[in-house]
Amino acid sequence: MELEQIIQLVEGEVLTGGFDMSRQVKGGCGADLMSDVLAYIGPGALLLTGLCSAQVVRTAQMADVAAIVFVRGKRPSLDTIALANQERIPLITSAHGMFELCGRLHQAGLRSLETPA
């Protein structure tokens, strides 16, 4: 699924720039524990999270996450947005909750990229 389509589905606001809106996202995952992201998410995933620290961007970089969606209207600090711009990781915020967004994306055909424990 293209990143542009994901932004529309989540009714998202893009917080970063300089990335390809046609980038393909392979699947998705919702997580607030960054240790779970490192342990259970495959590369190319969309990460939905309520955690807004710079650690999310650093973890996304290590896990080869395609983009990050902050749920419940959360917004990271300007420093975190700057770090994401530097690392070329798209950041998006959506007013909807994680459960709602996971459902919308799955229903639209985005598969899970979580591996079993």
PDB file of N, CA and C in Angstrom:
ATOM      1  N   MET A   1       0.843  -1.173   0.000  1.00  0.00           N
ATOM      2  CA  MET A   1       0.000   0.000   0.000  1.00  0.00           C
ATOM      3  C   MET A   1       0.894   1.244   0.000  1.00  0.00           C
ATOM      4  N   GLU A   2       0.523   2.237  -0.784  1.00  0.00           N
ATOM      5  CA  GLU A   2       1.312   3.458  -0.854  1.00  0.00           C
ATOM      6  C   GLU A   2       1.099   4.326   0.384  1.00  0.00           C
ATOM      7  N   LEU A   3       2.144   5.023   0.765  1.00  0.00           N
ATOM      8  CA  LEU A   3       2.098   5.900   1.931  1.00  0.00           C
ATOM      9  C   LEU A   3       1.005   6.960   1.795  1.00  0.00           C
ATOM     10  N   GLU A   4       0.819   7.473   0.609  1.00  0.00           N
ATOM     11  CA  GLU A   4      -0.227   8.481   0.384  1.00  0.00           C
ATOM     12  C   GLU A   4      -1.609   7.928   0.721  1.00  0.00           C
ATOM     13  N   GLN A   5      -1.870   6.685   0.347  1.00  0.00           N
ATOM     14  CA  GLN A   5      -3.154   6.050   0.649  1.00  0.00           C
ATOM     15  C   GLN A   5      -3.320   5.859   2.151  1.00  0.00           C
ATOM     16  N   ILE A   6      -2.233   5.488   2.835  1.00  0.00           N
ATOM     17  CA  ILE A   6      -2.277   5.317   4.278  1.00  0.00           C
ATOM     18  C   ILE A   6      -2.629   6.630   4.969  1.00  0.00           C
ATOM     19  N   ILE A   7      -2.018   7.720   4.523  1.00  0.00           N
ATOM     20  CA  ILE A   7      -2.281   9.034   5.119  1.00  0.00           C
ATOM     21  C   ILE A   7      -3.756   9.387   4.979  1.00  0.00           C
ATOM     22  N   GLN A   8      -4.345   9.076   3.839  1.00  0.00           N
ATOM     23  CA  GLN A   8      -5.770   9.335   3.639  1.00  0.00           C
ATOM     24  C   GLN A   8      -6.623   8.462   4.548  1.00  0.00           C
ATOM     25  N   LEU A   9      -6.292   7.185   4.651  1.00  0.00           N
ATOM     26  CA  LEU A   9      -7.076   6.250   5.468  1.00  0.00           C
ATOM     27  C   LEU A   9      -7.084   6.624   6.946  1.00  0.00           C
ATOM     28  N   VAL A  10      -5.954   7.100   7.435  1.00  0.00           N
ATOM     29  CA  VAL A  10      -5.864   7.442   8.864  1.00  0.00           C
ATOM     30  C   VAL A  10      -6.265   8.893   9.128  1.00  0.00           C
ATOM     31  N   GLU A  11      -6.615   9.608   8.031  1.00  0.00           N
ATOM     32  CA  GLU A  11      -6.948  11.034   8.131  1.00  0.00           C
ATOM     33  C   GLU A  11      -5.807  11.750   8.846  1.00  0.00           C
ATOM     34  N   GLY A  12      -4.606  11.490   8.343  1.00  0.00           N
ATOM     35  CA  GLY A  12      -3.396  11.940   9.003  1.00  0.00           C
ATOM     36  C   GLY A  12      -2.891  13.294   8.565  1.00  0.00           C
ATOM     37  N   GLU A  13      -2.096  13.862   9.443  1.00  0.00           N
ATOM     38  CA  GLU A  13      -1.362  15.099   9.163  1.00  0.00           C
ATOM     39  C   GLU A  13       0.113  14.740   9.110  1.00  0.00           C
ATOM     40  N   VAL A  14       0.764  15.057   8.007  1.00  0.00           N
ATOM     41  CA  VAL A  14       2.171  14.747   7.827  1.00  0.00           C
ATOM     42  C   VAL A  14       3.007  15.787   8.573  1.00  0.00           C
ATOM     43  N   LEU A  15       3.951  15.309   9.383  1.00  0.00           N
ATOM     44  CA  LEU A  15       4.777  16.192  10.205  1.00  0.00           C
ATOM     45  C   LEU A  15       6.185  16.389   9.644  1.00  0.00           C
ATOM     46  N   THR A  16       6.575  15.583   8.697  1.00  0.00           N
ATOM     47  CA  THR A  16       7.918  15.646   8.119  1.00  0.00           C
ATOM     48  C   THR A  16       7.801  15.833   6.607  1.00  0.00           C
ATOM     49  N   GLY A  17       8.923  16.119   5.978  1.00  0.00           N
ATOM     50  CA  GLY A  17       8.909  16.305   4.531  1.00  0.00           C
ATOM     51  C   GLY A  17      10.053  15.586   3.862  1.00  0.00           C
ATOM     52  N   GLY A  18      10.107  15.715   2.542  1.00  0.00           N
ATOM     53  CA  GLY A  18      11.230  15.167   1.805  1.00  0.00           C
ATOM     54  C   GLY A  18      11.206  13.672   1.599  1.00  0.00           C
ATOM     55  N   PHE A  19      10.021  13.065   1.621  1.00  0.00           N
ATOM     56  CA  PHE A  19       9.952  11.626   1.370  1.00  0.00           C
ATOM     57  C   PHE A  19       8.998  11.355   0.220  1.00  0.00           C
ATOM     58  N   ASP A  20       9.085  10.170  -0.334  1.00  0.00           N
ATOM     59  CA  ASP A  20       8.290   9.764  -1.490  1.00  0.00           C
ATOM     60  C   ASP A  20       6.914   9.294  -1.026  1.00  0.00           C
ATOM     61  N   MET A  21       5.868  10.029  -1.402  1.00  0.00           N
ATOM     62  CA  MET A  21       4.498   9.672  -1.003  1.00  0.00           C
ATOM     63  C   MET A  21       4.028   8.376  -1.664  1.00  0.00           C
ATOM     64  N   SER A  22       4.709   7.941  -2.718  1.00  0.00           N
ATOM     65  CA  SER A  22       4.323   6.693  -3.378  1.00  0.00           C
ATOM     66  C   SER A  22       5.093   5.495  -2.812  1.00  0.00           C
ATOM     67  N   ARG A  23       5.883   5.724  -1.775  1.00  0.00           N
ATOM     68  CA  ARG A  23       6.641   4.625  -1.155  1.00  0.00           C
ATOM     69  C   ARG A  23       5.678   3.512  -0.732  1.00  0.00           C
ATOM     70  N   GLN A  24       6.059   2.290  -1.029  1.00  0.00           N
ATOM     71  CA  GLN A  24       5.247   1.137  -0.671  1.00  0.00           C
ATOM     72  C   GLN A  24       5.515   0.714   0.773  1.00  0.00           C
ATOM     73  N   VAL A  25       4.447   0.515   1.523  1.00  0.00           N
ATOM     74  CA  VAL A  25       4.528   0.020   2.891  1.00  0.00           C
ATOM     75  C   VAL A  25       4.079  -1.434   2.850  1.00  0.00           C
ATOM     76  N   LYS A  26       4.883  -2.322   3.390  1.00  0.00           N
ATOM     77  CA  LYS A  26       4.635  -3.763   3.272  1.00  0.00           C
ATOM     78  C   LYS A  26       3.562  -4.277   4.225  1.00  0.00           C
ATOM     79  N   GLY A  27       3.409  -3.627   5.379  1.00  0.00           N
ATOM     80  CA  GLY A  27       2.451  -4.083   6.377  1.00  0.00           C
ATOM     81  C   GLY A  27       2.473  -3.140   7.553  1.00  0.00           C
ATOM     82  N   GLY A  28       1.812  -3.543   8.624  1.00  0.00           N
ATOM     83  CA  GLY A  28       1.730  -2.644   9.762  1.00  0.00           C
ATOM     84  C   GLY A  28       1.830  -3.342  11.096  1.00  0.00           C
ATOM     85  N   CYS A  29       1.933  -2.510  12.129  1.00  0.00           N
ATOM     86  CA  CYS A  29       2.021  -2.999  13.497  1.00  0.00           C
ATOM     87  C   CYS A  29       1.676  -1.853  14.434  1.00  0.00           C
ATOM     88  N   GLY A  30       1.047  -2.171  15.555  1.00  0.00           N
ATOM     89  CA  GLY A  30       0.787  -1.189  16.593  1.00  0.00           C
ATOM     90  C   GLY A  30       1.557  -1.577  17.843  1.00  0.00           C
ATOM     91  N   ALA A  31       2.366  -0.661  18.387  1.00  0.00           N
ATOM     92  CA  ALA A  31       3.170  -0.981  19.571  1.00  0.00           C
ATOM     93  C   ALA A  31       3.589   0.293  20.289  1.00  0.00           C
ATOM     94  N   ASP A  32       3.647   0.215  21.616  1.00  0.00           N
ATOM     95  CA  ASP A  32       4.188   1.300  22.428  1.00  0.00           C
ATOM     96  C   ASP A  32       5.505   0.900  23.083  1.00  0.00           C
ATOM     97  N   LEU A  33       5.802  -0.378  23.109  1.00  0.00           N
ATOM     98  CA  LEU A  33       7.075  -0.854  23.653  1.00  0.00           C
ATOM     99  C   LEU A  33       8.077  -0.997  22.508  1.00  0.00           C
ATOM    100  N   MET A  34       9.101  -0.186  22.533  1.00  0.00           N
ATOM    101  CA  MET A  34      10.071  -0.214  21.443  1.00  0.00           C
ATOM    102  C   MET A  34      10.854  -1.516  21.417  1.00  0.00           C
ATOM    103  N   SER A  35      10.949  -2.194  22.541  1.00  0.00           N
ATOM    104  CA  SER A  35      11.585  -3.519  22.544  1.00  0.00           C
ATOM    105  C   SER A  35      10.761  -4.500  21.709  1.00  0.00           C
ATOM    106  N   ASP A  36       9.431  -4.360  21.713  1.00  0.00           N
ATOM    107  CA  ASP A  36       8.578  -5.207  20.871  1.00  0.00           C
ATOM    108  C   ASP A  36       8.788  -4.887  19.398  1.00  0.00           C
ATOM    109  N   VAL A  37       8.975  -3.630  19.073  1.00  0.00           N
ATOM    110  CA  VAL A  37       9.226  -3.240  17.689  1.00  0.00           C
ATOM    111  C   VAL A  37      10.493  -3.928  17.187  1.00  0.00           C
ATOM    112  N   LEU A  38      11.541  -3.880  17.991  1.00  0.00           N
ATOM    113  CA  LEU A  38      12.806  -4.508  17.589  1.00  0.00           C
ATOM    114  C   LEU A  38      12.696  -6.022  17.497  1.00  0.00           C
ATOM    115  N   ALA A  39      11.892  -6.619  18.358  1.00  0.00           N
ATOM    116  CA  ALA A  39      11.818  -8.078  18.420  1.00  0.00           C
ATOM    117  C   ALA A  39      10.826  -8.688  17.431  1.00  0.00           C
ATOM    118  N   TYR A  40       9.740  -7.967  17.109  1.00  0.00           N
ATOM    119  CA  TYR A  40       8.637  -8.639  16.413  1.00  0.00           C
ATOM    120  C   TYR A  40       8.176  -8.019  15.103  1.00  0.00           C
ATOM    121  N   ILE A  41       8.754  -6.918  14.663  1.00  0.00           N
ATOM    122  CA  ILE A  41       8.256  -6.258  13.462  1.00  0.00           C
ATOM    123  C   ILE A  41       9.222  -6.466  12.300  1.00  0.00           C
ATOM    124  N   GLY A  42       8.653  -6.806  11.152  1.00  0.00           N
ATOM    125  CA  GLY A  42       9.457  -6.988   9.955  1.00  0.00           C
ATOM    126  C   GLY A  42       9.787  -5.658   9.289  1.00  0.00           C
ATOM    127  N   PRO A  43      10.818  -5.626   8.458  1.00  0.00           N
ATOM    128  CA  PRO A  43      11.216  -4.393   7.767  1.00  0.00           C
ATOM    129  C   PRO A  43      10.128  -3.912   6.811  1.00  0.00           C
ATOM    130  N   GLY A  44      10.051  -2.586   6.661  1.00  0.00           N
ATOM    131  CA  GLY A  44       9.083  -1.991   5.755  1.00  0.00           C
ATOM    132  C   GLY A  44       7.715  -1.786   6.358  1.00  0.00           C
ATOM    133  N   ALA A  45       7.604  -1.938   7.680  1.00  0.00           N
ATOM    134  CA  ALA A  45       6.309  -1.825   8.356  1.00  0.00           C
ATOM    135  C   ALA A  45       5.950  -0.378   8.654  1.00  0.00           C
ATOM    136  N   LEU A  46       4.661  -0.143   8.752  1.00  0.00           N
ATOM    137  CA  LEU A  46       4.115   1.092   9.286  1.00  0.00           C
ATOM    138  C   LEU A  46       3.959   0.864  10.783  1.00  0.00           C
ATOM    139  N   LEU A  47       4.493   1.753  11.600  1.00  0.00           N
ATOM    140  CA  LEU A  47       4.389   1.637  13.049  1.00  0.00           C
ATOM    141  C   LEU A  47       3.351   2.622  13.561  1.00  0.00           C
ATOM    142  N   LEU A  48       2.336   2.121  14.232  1.00  0.00           N
ATOM    143  CA  LEU A  48       1.362   2.954  14.919  1.00  0.00           C
ATOM    144  C   LEU A  48       1.718   2.936  16.392  1.00  0.00           C
ATOM    145  N   THR A  49       1.828   4.118  17.004  1.00  0.00           N
ATOM    146  CA  THR A  49       2.255   4.190  18.396  1.00  0.00           C
ATOM    147  C   THR A  49       1.713   5.433  19.083  1.00  0.00           C
ATOM    148  N   GLY A  50       1.631   5.363  20.391  1.00  0.00           N
ATOM    149  CA  GLY A  50       1.281   6.513  21.207  1.00  0.00           C
ATOM    150  C   GLY A  50       2.489   7.121  21.876  1.00  0.00           C
ATOM    151  N   LEU A  51       3.645   6.537  21.660  1.00  0.00           N
ATOM    152  CA  LEU A  51       4.896   7.014  22.252  1.00  0.00           C
ATOM    153  C   LEU A  51       5.507   8.070  21.334  1.00  0.00           C
ATOM    154  N   CYS A  52       5.851   9.219  21.886  1.00  0.00           N
ATOM    155  CA  CYS A  52       6.295  10.353  21.052  1.00  0.00           C
ATOM    156  C   CYS A  52       7.741  10.765  21.260  1.00  0.00           C
ATOM    157  N   SER A  53       8.542   9.976  21.889  1.00  0.00           N
ATOM    158  CA  SER A  53       9.928  10.365  22.164  1.00  0.00           C
ATOM    159  C   SER A  53      10.829  10.113  20.955  1.00  0.00           C
ATOM    160  N   ALA A  54      12.020  10.677  21.013  1.00  0.00           N
ATOM    161  CA  ALA A  54      13.008  10.456  19.956  1.00  0.00           C
ATOM    162  C   ALA A  54      13.372   8.980  19.844  1.00  0.00           C
ATOM    163  N   GLN A  55      13.188   8.237  20.925  1.00  0.00           N
ATOM    164  CA  GLN A  55      13.477   6.796  20.915  1.00  0.00           C
ATOM    165  C   GLN A  55      12.670   6.062  19.839  1.00  0.00           C
ATOM    166  N   VAL A  56      11.472   6.553  19.556  1.00  0.00           N
ATOM    167  CA  VAL A  56      10.640   5.933  18.520  1.00  0.00           C
ATOM    168  C   VAL A  56      11.330   6.044  17.157  1.00  0.00           C
ATOM    169  N   VAL A  57      11.888   7.202  16.869  1.00  0.00           N
ATOM    170  CA  VAL A  57      12.579   7.404  15.595  1.00  0.00           C
ATOM    171  C   VAL A  57      13.849   6.556  15.544  1.00  0.00           C
ATOM    172  N   ARG A  58      14.604   6.529  16.619  1.00  0.00           N
ATOM    173  CA  ARG A  58      15.828   5.701  16.655  1.00  0.00           C
ATOM    174  C   ARG A  58      15.492   4.222  16.470  1.00  0.00           C
ATOM    175  N   THR A  59      14.431   3.773  17.123  1.00  0.00           N
ATOM    176  CA  THR A  59      14.010   2.374  16.981  1.00  0.00           C
ATOM    177  C   THR A  59      13.541   2.092  15.563  1.00  0.00           C
ATOM    178  N   ALA A  60      12.775   3.018  15.004  1.00  0.00           N
ATOM    179  CA  ALA A  60      12.299   2.857  13.632  1.00  0.00           C
ATOM    180  C   ALA A  60      13.463   2.751  12.652  1.00  0.00           C
ATOM    181  N   GLN A  61      14.495   3.525  12.902  1.00  0.00           N
ATOM    182  CA  GLN A  61      15.684   3.486  12.054  1.00  0.00           C
ATOM    183  C   GLN A  61      16.331   2.099  12.120  1.00  0.00           C
ATOM    184  N   MET A  62      16.496   1.576  13.326  1.00  0.00           N
ATOM    185  CA  MET A  62      17.137   0.262  13.488  1.00  0.00           C
ATOM    186  C   MET A  62      16.278  -0.873  12.930  1.00  0.00           C
ATOM    187  N   ALA A  63      14.947  -0.746  13.033  1.00  0.00           N
ATOM    188  CA  ALA A  63      14.042  -1.807  12.589  1.00  0.00           C
ATOM    189  C   ALA A  63      13.613  -1.656  11.132  1.00  0.00           C
ATOM    190  N   ASP A  64      14.129  -0.645  10.445  1.00  0.00           N
ATOM    191  CA  ASP A  64      13.784  -0.381   9.052  1.00  0.00           C
ATOM    192  C   ASP A  64      12.276  -0.178   8.877  1.00  0.00           C
ATOM    193  N   VAL A  65      11.697   0.633   9.764  1.00  0.00           N
ATOM    194  CA  VAL A  65      10.278   0.980   9.704  1.00  0.00           C
ATOM    195  C   VAL A  65      10.077   1.989   8.573  1.00  0.00           C
ATOM    196  N   ALA A  66       9.007   1.802   7.803  1.00  0.00           N
ATOM    197  CA  ALA A  66       8.748   2.669   6.648  1.00  0.00           C
ATOM    198  C   ALA A  66       8.216   4.038   7.054  1.00  0.00           C
ATOM    199  N   ALA A  67       7.381   4.089   8.086  1.00  0.00           N
ATOM    200  CA  ALA A  67       6.789   5.348   8.540  1.00  0.00           C
ATOM    201  C   ALA A  67       6.190   5.128   9.923  1.00  0.00           C
ATOM    202  N   ILE A  68       5.969   6.239  10.634  1.00  0.00           N
ATOM    203  CA  ILE A  68       5.400   6.190  11.982  1.00  0.00           C
ATOM    204  C   ILE A  68       4.122   7.016  12.003  1.00  0.00           C
ATOM    205  N   VAL A  69       3.058   6.432  12.571  1.00  0.00           N
ATOM    206  CA  VAL A  69       1.808   7.152  12.792  1.00  0.00           C
ATOM    207  C   VAL A  69       1.605   7.281  14.295  1.00  0.00           C
ATOM    208  N   PHE A  70       1.493   8.520  14.764  1.00  0.00           N
ATOM    209  CA  PHE A  70       1.190   8.775  16.175  1.00  0.00           C
ATOM    210  C   PHE A  70      -0.323   8.818  16.327  1.00  0.00           C
ATOM    211  N   VAL A  71      -0.837   8.040  17.255  1.00  0.00           N
ATOM    212  CA  VAL A  71      -2.283   7.900  17.445  1.00  0.00           C
ATOM    213  C   VAL A  71      -2.805   8.913  18.467  1.00  0.00           C
ATOM    214  N   ARG A  72      -4.129   9.028  18.513  1.00  0.00           N
ATOM    215  CA  ARG A  72      -4.823   9.888  19.488  1.00  0.00           C
ATOM    216  C   ARG A  72      -4.368  11.346  19.415  1.00  0.00           C
ATOM    217  N   GLY A  73      -3.969  11.801  18.236  1.00  0.00           N
ATOM    218  CA  GLY A  73      -3.583  13.199  18.049  1.00  0.00           C
ATOM    219  C   GLY A  73      -2.274  13.594  18.696  1.00  0.00           C
ATOM    220  N   LYS A  74      -1.500  12.629  19.117  1.00  0.00           N
ATOM    221  CA  LYS A  74      -0.216  12.944  19.762  1.00  0.00           C
ATOM    222  C   LYS A  74       0.757  13.524  18.752  1.00  0.00           C
ATOM    223  N   ARG A  75       1.604  14.428  19.258  1.00  0.00           N
ATOM    224  CA  ARG A  75       2.598  15.110  18.419  1.00  0.00           C
ATOM    225  C   ARG A  75       3.954  15.051  19.117  1.00  0.00           C
ATOM    226  N   PRO A  76       4.968  14.618  18.395  1.00  0.00           N
ATOM    227  CA  PRO A  76       6.314  14.589  18.978  1.00  0.00           C
ATOM    228  C   PRO A  76       6.881  16.004  19.075  1.00  0.00           C
ATOM    229  N   SER A  77       7.958  16.136  19.819  1.00  0.00           N
ATOM    230  CA  SER A  77       8.630  17.432  19.952  1.00  0.00           C
ATOM    231  C   SER A  77       9.265  17.833  18.620  1.00  0.00           C
ATOM    232  N   LEU A  78       9.613  19.105  18.514  1.00  0.00           N
ATOM    233  CA  LEU A  78      10.289  19.595  17.310  1.00  0.00           C
ATOM    234  C   LEU A  78      11.633  18.908  17.109  1.00  0.00           C
ATOM    235  N   ASP A  79      12.319  18.565  18.205  1.00  0.00           N
ATOM    236  CA  ASP A  79      13.591  17.841  18.096  1.00  0.00           C
ATOM    237  C   ASP A  79      13.390  16.453  17.489  1.00  0.00           C
ATOM    238  N   THR A  80      12.310  15.781  17.875  1.00  0.00           N
ATOM    239  CA  THR A  80      12.020  14.456  17.337  1.00  0.00           C
ATOM    240  C   THR A  80      11.653  14.548  15.861  1.00  0.00           C
ATOM    241  N   ILE A  81      10.894  15.571  15.500  1.00  0.00           N
ATOM    242  CA  ILE A  81      10.547  15.778  14.089  1.00  0.00           C
ATOM    243  C   ILE A  81      11.808  16.065  13.274  1.00  0.00           C
ATOM    244  N   ALA A  82      12.704  16.872  13.816  1.00  0.00           N
ATOM    245  CA  ALA A  82      13.968  17.169  13.124  1.00  0.00           C
ATOM    246  C   ALA A  82      14.797  15.903  12.928  1.00  0.00           C
ATOM    247  N   LEU A  83      14.843  15.050  13.946  1.00  0.00           N
ATOM    248  CA  LEU A  83      15.573  13.785  13.841  1.00  0.00           C
ATOM    249  C   LEU A  83      14.959  12.901  12.747  1.00  0.00           C
ATOM    250  N   ALA A  84      13.640  12.829  12.705  1.00  0.00           N
ATOM    251  CA  ALA A  84      12.969  12.035  11.671  1.00  0.00           C
ATOM    252  C   ALA A  84      13.256  12.590  10.274  1.00  0.00           C
ATOM    253  N   ASN A  85      13.267  13.909  10.142  1.00  0.00           N
ATOM    254  CA  ASN A  85      13.622  14.514   8.852  1.00  0.00           C
ATOM    255  C   ASN A  85      15.045  14.143   8.460  1.00  0.00           C
ATOM    256  N   GLN A  86      15.947  14.193   9.420  1.00  0.00           N
ATOM    257  CA  GLN A  86      17.345  13.843   9.178  1.00  0.00           C
ATOM    258  C   GLN A  86      17.473  12.384   8.730  1.00  0.00           C
ATOM    259  N   GLU A  87      16.708  11.506   9.358  1.00  0.00           N
ATOM    260  CA  GLU A  87      16.767  10.070   9.047  1.00  0.00           C
ATOM    261  C   GLU A  87      15.820   9.674   7.912  1.00  0.00           C
ATOM    262  N   ARG A  88      15.068  10.662   7.403  1.00  0.00           N
ATOM    263  CA  ARG A  88      14.119  10.443   6.305  1.00  0.00           C
ATOM    264  C   ARG A  88      13.057   9.404   6.659  1.00  0.00           C
ATOM    265  N   ILE A  89      12.539   9.508   7.877  1.00  0.00           N
ATOM    266  CA  ILE A  89      11.455   8.640   8.335  1.00  0.00           C
ATOM    267  C   ILE A  89      10.188   9.489   8.416  1.00  0.00           C
ATOM    268  N   PRO A  90       9.186   9.184   7.605  1.00  0.00           N
ATOM    269  CA  PRO A  90       7.946   9.963   7.638  1.00  0.00           C
ATOM    270  C   PRO A  90       7.232   9.842   8.986  1.00  0.00           C
ATOM    271  N   LEU A  91       6.792  10.986   9.505  1.00  0.00           N
ATOM    272  CA  LEU A  91       5.988  11.035  10.726  1.00  0.00           C
ATOM    273  C   LEU A  91       4.611  11.579  10.376  1.00  0.00           C
ATOM    274  N   ILE A  92       3.589  10.919  10.900  1.00  0.00           N
ATOM    275  CA  ILE A  92       2.204  11.289  10.641  1.00  0.00           C
ATOM    276  C   ILE A  92       1.480  11.270  11.979  1.00  0.00           C
ATOM    277  N   THR A  93       0.552  12.190  12.190  1.00  0.00           N
ATOM    278  CA  THR A  93      -0.278  12.131  13.382  1.00  0.00           C
ATOM    279  C   THR A  93      -1.731  11.985  12.950  1.00  0.00           C
ATOM    280  N   SER A  94      -2.496  11.247  13.737  1.00  0.00           N
ATOM    281  CA  SER A  94      -3.916  11.035  13.468  1.00  0.00           C
ATOM    282  C   SER A  94      -4.687  11.193  14.772  1.00  0.00           C
ATOM    283  N   ALA A  95      -5.861  11.774  14.681  1.00  0.00           N
ATOM    284  CA  ALA A  95      -6.702  11.974  15.871  1.00  0.00           C
ATOM    285  C   ALA A  95      -7.319  10.672  16.366  1.00  0.00           C
ATOM    286  N   HIS A  96      -7.311   9.645  15.551  1.00  0.00           N
ATOM    287  CA  HIS A  96      -7.955   8.374  15.906  1.00  0.00           C
ATOM    288  C   HIS A  96      -7.068   7.521  16.812  1.00  0.00           C
ATOM    289  N   GLY A  97      -7.699   6.622  17.551  1.00  0.00           N
ATOM    290  CA  GLY A  97      -6.981   5.709  18.430  1.00  0.00           C
ATOM    291  C   GLY A  97      -6.334   4.561  17.671  1.00  0.00           C
ATOM    292  N   MET A  98      -5.464   3.848  18.364  1.00  0.00           N
ATOM    293  CA  MET A  98      -4.714   2.762  17.732  1.00  0.00           C
ATOM    294  C   MET A  98      -5.628   1.648  17.223  1.00  0.00           C
ATOM    295  N   PHE A  99      -6.610   1.253  18.024  1.00  0.00           N
ATOM    296  CA  PHE A  99      -7.502   0.165  17.629  1.00  0.00           C
ATOM    297  C   PHE A  99      -8.253   0.530  16.348  1.00  0.00           C
ATOM    298  N   GLU A 100      -8.777   1.745  16.305  1.00  0.00           N
ATOM    299  CA  GLU A 100      -9.501   2.223  15.121  1.00  0.00           C
ATOM    300  C   GLU A 100      -8.599   2.207  13.883  1.00  0.00           C
ATOM    301  N   LEU A 101      -7.399   2.733  14.029  1.00  0.00           N
ATOM    302  CA  LEU A 101      -6.499   2.827  12.873  1.00  0.00           C
ATOM    303  C   LEU A 101      -6.036   1.460  12.396  1.00  0.00           C
ATOM    304  N   CYS A 102      -5.719   0.575  13.322  1.00  0.00           N
ATOM    305  CA  CYS A 102      -5.326  -0.783  12.915  1.00  0.00           C
ATOM    306  C   CYS A 102      -6.455  -1.444  12.131  1.00  0.00           C
ATOM    307  N   GLY A 103      -7.685  -1.265  12.607  1.00  0.00           N
ATOM    308  CA  GLY A 103      -8.844  -1.832  11.912  1.00  0.00           C
ATOM    309  C   GLY A 103      -9.027  -1.260  10.521  1.00  0.00           C
ATOM    310  N   ARG A 104      -8.936   0.046  10.406  1.00  0.00           N
ATOM    311  CA  ARG A 104      -9.079   0.698   9.096  1.00  0.00           C
ATOM    312  C   ARG A 104      -8.034   0.194   8.104  1.00  0.00           C
ATOM    313  N   LEU A 105      -6.797   0.152   8.555  1.00  0.00           N
ATOM    314  CA  LEU A 105      -5.707  -0.247   7.662  1.00  0.00           C
ATOM    315  C   LEU A 105      -5.808  -1.715   7.272  1.00  0.00           C
ATOM    316  N   HIS A 106      -6.160  -2.563   8.218  1.00  0.00           N
ATOM    317  CA  HIS A 106      -6.305  -3.986   7.922  1.00  0.00           C
ATOM    318  C   HIS A 106      -7.460  -4.216   6.949  1.00  0.00           C
ATOM    319  N   GLN A 107      -8.564  -3.530   7.182  1.00  0.00           N
ATOM    320  CA  GLN A 107      -9.723  -3.665   6.304  1.00  0.00           C
ATOM    321  C   GLN A 107      -9.403  -3.197   4.884  1.00  0.00           C
ATOM    322  N   ALA A 108      -8.516  -2.217   4.768  1.00  0.00           N
ATOM    323  CA  ALA A 108      -8.117  -1.705   3.449  1.00  0.00           C
ATOM    324  C   ALA A 108      -7.078  -2.583   2.767  1.00  0.00           C
ATOM    325  N   GLY A 109      -6.613  -3.630   3.462  1.00  0.00           N
ATOM    326  CA  GLY A 109      -5.698  -4.582   2.834  1.00  0.00           C
ATOM    327  C   GLY A 109      -4.263  -4.562   3.329  1.00  0.00           C
ATOM    328  N   LEU A 110      -3.949  -3.706   4.310  1.00  0.00           N
ATOM    329  CA  LEU A 110      -2.596  -3.700   4.852  1.00  0.00           C
ATOM    330  C   LEU A 110      -2.463  -4.883   5.816  1.00  0.00           C
ATOM    331  N   ARG A 111      -1.522  -5.753   5.560  1.00  0.00           N
ATOM    332  CA  ARG A 111      -1.363  -6.949   6.387  1.00  0.00           C
ATOM    333  C   ARG A 111      -0.490  -6.666   7.603  1.00  0.00           C
ATOM    334  N   SER A 112      -0.538  -7.559   8.559  1.00  0.00           N
ATOM    335  CA  SER A 112       0.292  -7.445   9.741  1.00  0.00           C
ATOM    336  C   SER A 112       1.727  -7.855   9.409  1.00  0.00           C
ATOM    337  N   LEU A 113       2.690  -7.111   9.956  1.00  0.00           N
ATOM    338  CA  LEU A 113       4.100  -7.496   9.816  1.00  0.00           C
ATOM    339  C   LEU A 113       4.675  -7.900  11.164  1.00  0.00           C
ATOM    340  N   GLU A 114       3.829  -8.287  12.092  1.00  0.00           N
ATOM    341  CA  GLU A 114       4.293  -8.775  13.384  1.00  0.00           C
ATOM    342  C   GLU A 114       4.589 -10.264  13.265  1.00  0.00           C
ATOM    343  N   THR A 115       5.732 -10.657  13.786  1.00  0.00           N
ATOM    344  CA  THR A 115       6.069 -12.074  13.809  1.00  0.00           C
ATOM    345  C   THR A 115       5.623 -12.660  15.140  1.00  0.00           C
ATOM    346  N   PRO A 116       5.254 -13.936  15.171  1.00  0.00           N
ATOM    347  CA  PRO A 116       4.832 -14.547  16.436  1.00  0.00           C
ATOM    348  C   PRO A 116       5.944 -14.559  17.468  1.00  0.00           C
ATOM    349  N   ALA A 117       5.569 -14.515  18.721  1.00  0.00           N
ATOM    350  CA  ALA A 117       6.548 -14.539  19.818  1.00  0.00           C
ATOM    351  C   ALA A 117       7.210 -15.892  19.931  1.00  0.00           C
TER     352      ALA A 117
END
